[in-house]
Amino acid sequence: MPSRDFLERRNALWARLRELTPSTAEFEAALAELCALIGWDRERVLAGLGLTPQDAPPGEERT
């Protein structure tokens, strides 16, 4: 069973990603951290947020 710290960090990252604008530096940093933490690829995490790779191209600031 995952540790409480792991679960809290995972949940905090999901919540943070829901608050941030896709493709911003902050979004990409949180996304990379969540991917590393849970072992999912970028596309799978984006899908979990209801986004496609086209909705959030890596490293492109949206205006």
PDB file of N, CA and C in Angstrom:
ATOM      1  N   MET A   1       0.842  -1.178   0.000  1.00  0.00           N
ATOM      2  CA  MET A   1       0.000   0.000   0.000  1.00  0.00           C
ATOM      3  C   MET A   1       0.891   1.247   0.000  1.00  0.00           C
ATOM      4  N   PRO A   2       0.556   2.233  -0.861  1.00  0.00           N
ATOM      5  CA  PRO A   2       1.363   3.460  -0.913  1.00  0.00           C
ATOM      6  C   PRO A   2       1.335   4.198   0.427  1.00  0.00           C
ATOM      7  N   SER A   3       2.415   4.912   0.692  1.00  0.00           N
ATOM      8  CA  SER A   3       2.498   5.668   1.937  1.00  0.00           C
ATOM      9  C   SER A   3       1.577   6.885   1.887  1.00  0.00           C
ATOM     10  N   ARG A   4       1.258   7.372   3.048  1.00  0.00           N
ATOM     11  CA  ARG A   4       0.414   8.564   3.154  1.00  0.00           C
ATOM     12  C   ARG A   4       1.082   9.753   2.455  1.00  0.00           C
ATOM     13  N   ASP A   5       2.397   9.905   2.631  1.00  0.00           N
ATOM     14  CA  ASP A   5       3.124  11.005   1.987  1.00  0.00           C
ATOM     15  C   ASP A   5       3.008  10.925   0.467  1.00  0.00           C
ATOM     16  N   PHE A   6       3.157   9.713  -0.062  1.00  0.00           N
ATOM     17  CA  PHE A   6       3.028   9.515  -1.508  1.00  0.00           C
ATOM     18  C   PHE A   6       1.643   9.933  -1.980  1.00  0.00           C
ATOM     19  N   LEU A   7       0.613   9.468  -1.305  1.00  0.00           N
ATOM     20  CA  LEU A   7      -0.764   9.769  -1.708  1.00  0.00           C
ATOM     21  C   LEU A   7      -1.071  11.263  -1.615  1.00  0.00           C
ATOM     22  N   GLU A   8      -0.590  11.893  -0.568  1.00  0.00           N
ATOM     23  CA  GLU A   8      -0.821  13.334  -0.417  1.00  0.00           C
ATOM     24  C   GLU A   8      -0.107  14.111  -1.509  1.00  0.00           C
ATOM     25  N   ARG A   9       1.131  13.728  -1.817  1.00  0.00           N
ATOM     26  CA  ARG A   9       1.885  14.420  -2.876  1.00  0.00           C
ATOM     27  C   ARG A   9       1.220  14.211  -4.225  1.00  0.00           C
ATOM     28  N   ARG A  10       0.825  12.972  -4.521  1.00  0.00           N
ATOM     29  CA  ARG A  10       0.153  12.663  -5.781  1.00  0.00           C
ATOM     30  C   ARG A  10      -1.118  13.490  -5.923  1.00  0.00           C
ATOM     31  N   ASN A  11      -1.936  13.505  -4.893  1.00  0.00           N
ATOM     32  CA  ASN A  11      -3.191  14.247  -4.953  1.00  0.00           C
ATOM     33  C   ASN A  11      -2.964  15.747  -5.086  1.00  0.00           C
ATOM     34  N   ALA A  12      -1.947  16.260  -4.414  1.00  0.00           N
ATOM     35  CA  ALA A  12      -1.628  17.681  -4.509  1.00  0.00           C
ATOM     36  C   ALA A  12      -1.190  18.047  -5.930  1.00  0.00           C
ATOM     37  N   LEU A  13      -0.431  17.172  -6.571  1.00  0.00           N
ATOM     38  CA  LEU A  13       0.011  17.441  -7.942  1.00  0.00           C
ATOM     39  C   LEU A  13      -1.165  17.423  -8.918  1.00  0.00           C
ATOM     40  N   TRP A  14      -2.076  16.449  -8.763  1.00  0.00           N
ATOM     41  CA  TRP A  14      -3.273  16.427  -9.617  1.00  0.00           C
ATOM     42  C   TRP A  14      -4.071  17.715  -9.436  1.00  0.00           C
ATOM     43  N   ALA A  15      -4.265  18.135  -8.189  1.00  0.00           N
ATOM     44  CA  ALA A  15      -5.027  19.358  -7.915  1.00  0.00           C
ATOM     45  C   ALA A  15      -4.324  20.573  -8.518  1.00  0.00           C
ATOM     46  N   ARG A  16      -3.015  20.626  -8.377  1.00  0.00           N
ATOM     47  CA  ARG A  16      -2.236  21.755  -8.928  1.00  0.00           C
ATOM     48  C   ARG A  16      -2.371  21.807 -10.446  1.00  0.00           C
ATOM     49  N   LEU A  17      -2.280  20.660 -11.096  1.00  0.00           N
ATOM     50  CA  LEU A  17      -2.404  20.633 -12.555  1.00  0.00           C
ATOM     51  C   LEU A  17      -3.781  21.119 -13.009  1.00  0.00           C
ATOM     52  N   ARG A  18      -4.813  20.819 -12.239  1.00  0.00           N
ATOM     53  CA  ARG A  18      -6.164  21.277 -12.601  1.00  0.00           C
ATOM     54  C   ARG A  18      -6.295  22.785 -12.499  1.00  0.00           C
ATOM     55  N   GLU A  19      -5.477  23.408 -11.657  1.00  0.00           N
ATOM     56  CA  GLU A  19      -5.519  24.858 -11.456  1.00  0.00           C
ATOM     57  C   GLU A  19      -4.697  25.629 -12.481  1.00  0.00           C
ATOM     58  N   LEU A  20      -3.649  25.004 -13.006  1.00  0.00           N
ATOM     59  CA  LEU A  20      -2.692  25.697 -13.874  1.00  0.00           C
ATOM     60  C   LEU A  20      -3.139  25.715 -15.334  1.00  0.00           C
ATOM     61  N   THR A  21      -2.596  26.667 -16.068  1.00  0.00           N
ATOM     62  CA  THR A  21      -2.832  26.755 -17.506  1.00  0.00           C
ATOM     63  C   THR A  21      -1.886  25.796 -18.221  1.00  0.00           C
ATOM     64  N   PRO A  22      -2.430  24.925 -19.086  1.00  0.00           N
ATOM     65  CA  PRO A  22      -1.577  23.992 -19.814  1.00  0.00           C
ATOM     66  C   PRO A  22      -0.482  24.705 -20.608  1.00  0.00           C
ATOM     67  N   SER A  23       0.657  24.038 -20.700  1.00  0.00           N
ATOM     68  CA  SER A  23       1.828  24.458 -21.469  1.00  0.00           C
ATOM     69  C   SER A  23       2.647  25.553 -20.830  1.00  0.00           C
ATOM     70  N   THR A  24       2.258  26.039 -19.652  1.00  0.00           N
ATOM     71  CA  THR A  24       3.103  27.006 -18.951  1.00  0.00           C
ATOM     72  C   THR A  24       4.239  26.258 -18.270  1.00  0.00           C
ATOM     73  N   ALA A  25       5.253  26.990 -17.890  1.00  0.00           N
ATOM     74  CA  ALA A  25       6.403  26.367 -17.225  1.00  0.00           C
ATOM     75  C   ALA A  25       5.973  25.679 -15.928  1.00  0.00           C
ATOM     76  N   GLU A  26       5.097  26.306 -15.163  1.00  0.00           N
ATOM     77  CA  GLU A  26       4.628  25.705 -13.903  1.00  0.00           C
ATOM     78  C   GLU A  26       3.857  24.419 -14.162  1.00  0.00           C
ATOM     79  N   PHE A  27       3.000  24.430 -15.183  1.00  0.00           N
ATOM     80  CA  PHE A  27       2.235  23.239 -15.543  1.00  0.00           C
ATOM     81  C   PHE A  27       3.171  22.113 -15.938  1.00  0.00           C
ATOM     82  N   GLU A  28       4.142  22.414 -16.787  1.00  0.00           N
ATOM     83  CA  GLU A  28       5.079  21.396 -17.259  1.00  0.00           C
ATOM     84  C   GLU A  28       5.907  20.819 -16.109  1.00  0.00           C
ATOM     85  N   ALA A  29       6.300  21.666 -15.158  1.00  0.00           N
ATOM     86  CA  ALA A  29       7.073  21.180 -14.014  1.00  0.00           C
ATOM     87  C   ALA A  29       6.233  20.235 -13.153  1.00  0.00           C
ATOM     88  N   ALA A  30       4.991  20.628 -12.868  1.00  0.00           N
ATOM     89  CA  ALA A  30       4.107  19.773 -12.072  1.00  0.00           C
ATOM     90  C   ALA A  30       3.788  18.484 -12.821  1.00  0.00           C
ATOM     91  N   LEU A  31       3.588  18.593 -14.119  1.00  0.00           N
ATOM     92  CA  LEU A  31       3.303  17.424 -14.945  1.00  0.00           C
ATOM     93  C   LEU A  31       4.476  16.447 -14.927  1.00  0.00           C
ATOM     94  N   ALA A  32       5.676  16.955 -15.090  1.00  0.00           N
ATOM     95  CA  ALA A  32       6.871  16.102 -15.071  1.00  0.00           C
ATOM     96  C   ALA A  32       7.036  15.437 -13.708  1.00  0.00           C
ATOM     97  N   GLU A  33       6.780  16.189 -12.646  1.00  0.00           N
ATOM     98  CA  GLU A  33       6.910  15.611 -11.304  1.00  0.00           C
ATOM     99  C   GLU A  33       5.887  14.500 -11.080  1.00  0.00           C
ATOM    100  N   LEU A  34       4.641  14.730 -11.510  1.00  0.00           N
ATOM    101  CA  LEU A  34       3.616  13.704 -11.351  1.00  0.00           C
ATOM    102  C   LEU A  34       3.952  12.473 -12.186  1.00  0.00           C
ATOM    103  N   CYS A  35       4.387  12.669 -13.422  1.00  0.00           N
ATOM    104  CA  CYS A  35       4.775  11.533 -14.271  1.00  0.00           C
ATOM    105  C   CYS A  35       5.862  10.697 -13.604  1.00  0.00           C
ATOM    106  N   ALA A  36       6.871  11.365 -13.062  1.00  0.00           N
ATOM    107  CA  ALA A  36       7.965  10.648 -12.402  1.00  0.00           C
ATOM    108  C   ALA A  36       7.471   9.937 -11.144  1.00  0.00           C
ATOM    109  N   LEU A  37       6.580  10.569 -10.420  1.00  0.00           N
ATOM    110  CA  LEU A  37       6.090  10.009  -9.163  1.00  0.00           C
ATOM    111  C   LEU A  37       5.245   8.759  -9.378  1.00  0.00           C
ATOM    112  N   ILE A  38       4.353   8.798 -10.372  1.00  0.00           N
ATOM    113  CA  ILE A  38       3.415   7.684 -10.539  1.00  0.00           C
ATOM    114  C   ILE A  38       3.778   6.743 -11.682  1.00  0.00           C
ATOM    115  N   GLY A  39       4.790   7.097 -12.474  1.00  0.00           N
ATOM    116  CA  GLY A  39       5.236   6.202 -13.537  1.00  0.00           C
ATOM    117  C   GLY A  39       4.366   6.207 -14.782  1.00  0.00           C
ATOM    118  N   TRP A  40       3.583   7.261 -14.961  1.00  0.00           N
ATOM    119  CA  TRP A  40       2.752   7.382 -16.163  1.00  0.00           C
ATOM    120  C   TRP A  40       3.465   8.268 -17.164  1.00  0.00           C
ATOM    121  N   ASP A  41       3.169   8.062 -18.462  1.00  0.00           N
ATOM    122  CA  ASP A  41       3.727   8.966 -19.460  1.00  0.00           C
ATOM    123  C   ASP A  41       2.870  10.231 -19.537  1.00  0.00           C
ATOM    124  N   ARG A  42       3.420  11.226 -20.207  1.00  0.00           N
ATOM    125  CA  ARG A  42       2.782  12.541 -20.306  1.00  0.00           C
ATOM    126  C   ARG A  42       1.367  12.453 -20.868  1.00  0.00           C
ATOM    127  N   GLU A  43       1.197  11.689 -21.937  1.00  0.00           N
ATOM    128  CA  GLU A  43      -0.112  11.590 -22.590  1.00  0.00           C
ATOM    129  C   GLU A  43      -1.164  10.993 -21.666  1.00  0.00           C
ATOM    130  N   ARG A  44      -0.764  10.034 -20.847  1.00  0.00           N
ATOM    131  CA  ARG A  44      -1.715   9.399 -19.930  1.00  0.00           C
ATOM    132  C   ARG A  44      -2.158  10.375 -18.838  1.00  0.00           C
ATOM    133  N   VAL A  45      -1.215  11.147 -18.318  1.00  0.00           N
ATOM    134  CA  VAL A  45      -1.577  12.144 -17.307  1.00  0.00           C
ATOM    135  C   VAL A  45      -2.466  13.217 -17.930  1.00  0.00           C
ATOM    136  N   LEU A  46      -2.114  13.666 -19.126  1.00  0.00           N
ATOM    137  CA  LEU A  46      -2.964  14.652 -19.799  1.00  0.00           C
ATOM    138  C   LEU A  46      -4.380  14.115 -19.986  1.00  0.00           C
ATOM    139  N   ALA A  47      -4.491  12.858 -20.390  1.00  0.00           N
ATOM    140  CA  ALA A  47      -5.811  12.245 -20.564  1.00  0.00           C
ATOM    141  C   ALA A  47      -6.575  12.236 -19.242  1.00  0.00           C
ATOM    142  N   GLY A  48      -5.877  12.003 -18.146  1.00  0.00           N
ATOM    143  CA  GLY A  48      -6.504  12.034 -16.833  1.00  0.00           C
ATOM    144  C   GLY A  48      -7.045  13.408 -16.472  1.00  0.00           C
ATOM    145  N   LEU A  49      -6.491  14.431 -17.109  1.00  0.00           N
ATOM    146  CA  LEU A  49      -6.953  15.798 -16.907  1.00  0.00           C
ATOM    147  C   LEU A  49      -7.996  16.201 -17.948  1.00  0.00           C
ATOM    148  N   GLY A  50      -8.309  15.284 -18.858  1.00  0.00           N
ATOM    149  CA  GLY A  50      -9.263  15.595 -19.918  1.00  0.00           C
ATOM    150  C   GLY A  50      -8.646  16.394 -21.053  1.00  0.00           C
ATOM    151  N   LEU A  51      -7.315  16.306 -21.185  1.00  0.00           N
ATOM    152  CA  LEU A  51      -6.593  17.042 -22.219  1.00  0.00           C
ATOM    153  C   LEU A  51      -5.942  16.083 -23.205  1.00  0.00           C
ATOM    154  N   THR A  52      -5.652  16.587 -24.385  1.00  0.00           N
ATOM    155  CA  THR A  52      -4.885  15.843 -25.377  1.00  0.00           C
ATOM    156  C   THR A  52      -3.516  16.511 -25.504  1.00  0.00           C
ATOM    157  N   PRO A  53      -2.548  15.840 -26.125  1.00  0.00           N
ATOM    158  CA  PRO A  53      -1.255  16.491 -26.352  1.00  0.00           C
ATOM    159  C   PRO A  53      -1.384  17.784 -27.170  1.00  0.00           C
ATOM    160  N   GLN A  54      -2.395  17.875 -28.023  1.00  0.00           N
ATOM    161  CA  GLN A  54      -2.617  19.091 -28.792  1.00  0.00           C
ATOM    162  C   GLN A  54      -3.135  20.229 -27.909  1.00  0.00           C
ATOM    163  N   ASP A  55      -3.829  19.888 -26.828  1.00  0.00           N
ATOM    164  CA  ASP A  55      -4.313  20.903 -25.891  1.00  0.00           C
ATOM    165  C   ASP A  55      -3.182  21.491 -25.063  1.00  0.00           C
ATOM    166  N   ALA A  56      -2.113  20.735 -24.901  1.00  0.00           N
ATOM    167  CA  ALA A  56      -1.005  21.150 -24.041  1.00  0.00           C
ATOM    168  C   ALA A  56       0.326  20.751 -24.645  1.00  0.00           C
ATOM    169  N   PRO A  57       0.706  21.386 -25.776  1.00  0.00           N
ATOM    170  CA  PRO A  57       2.008  21.053 -26.358  1.00  0.00           C
ATOM    171  C   PRO A  57       3.124  21.391 -25.375  1.00  0.00           C
ATOM    172  N   PRO A  58       4.116  20.538 -25.255  1.00  0.00           N
ATOM    173  CA  PRO A  58       5.171  20.776 -24.264  1.00  0.00           C
ATOM    174  C   PRO A  58       5.943  22.057 -24.532  1.00  0.00           C
ATOM    175  N   GLY A  59       6.096  22.840 -23.476  1.00  0.00           N
ATOM    176  CA  GLY A  59       6.939  24.020 -23.539  1.00  0.00           C
ATOM    177  C   GLY A  59       6.420  25.186 -24.338  1.00  0.00           C
ATOM    178  N   GLU A  60       5.192  25.161 -24.776  1.00  0.00           N
ATOM    179  CA  GLU A  60       4.650  26.281 -25.537  1.00  0.00           C
ATOM    180  C   GLU A  60       3.722  27.086 -24.645  1.00  0.00           C
ATOM    181  N   GLU A  61       4.105  28.319 -24.397  1.00  0.00           N
ATOM    182  CA  GLU A  61       3.289  29.212 -23.576  1.00  0.00           C
ATOM    183  C   GLU A  61       2.051  29.614 -24.363  1.00  0.00           C
ATOM    184  N   ARG A  62       0.893  29.478 -23.746  1.00  0.00           N
ATOM    185  CA  ARG A  62      -0.360  29.859 -24.410  1.00  0.00           C
ATOM    186  C   ARG A  62      -0.649  31.321 -24.133  1.00  0.00           C
ATOM    187  N   THR A  63      -1.236  31.971 -25.120  1.00  0.00           N
ATOM    188  CA  THR A  63      -1.593  33.388 -24.944  1.00  0.00           C
ATOM    189  C   THR A  63      -3.085  33.558 -24.942  1.00  0.00           C
TER     190      THR A  63
END
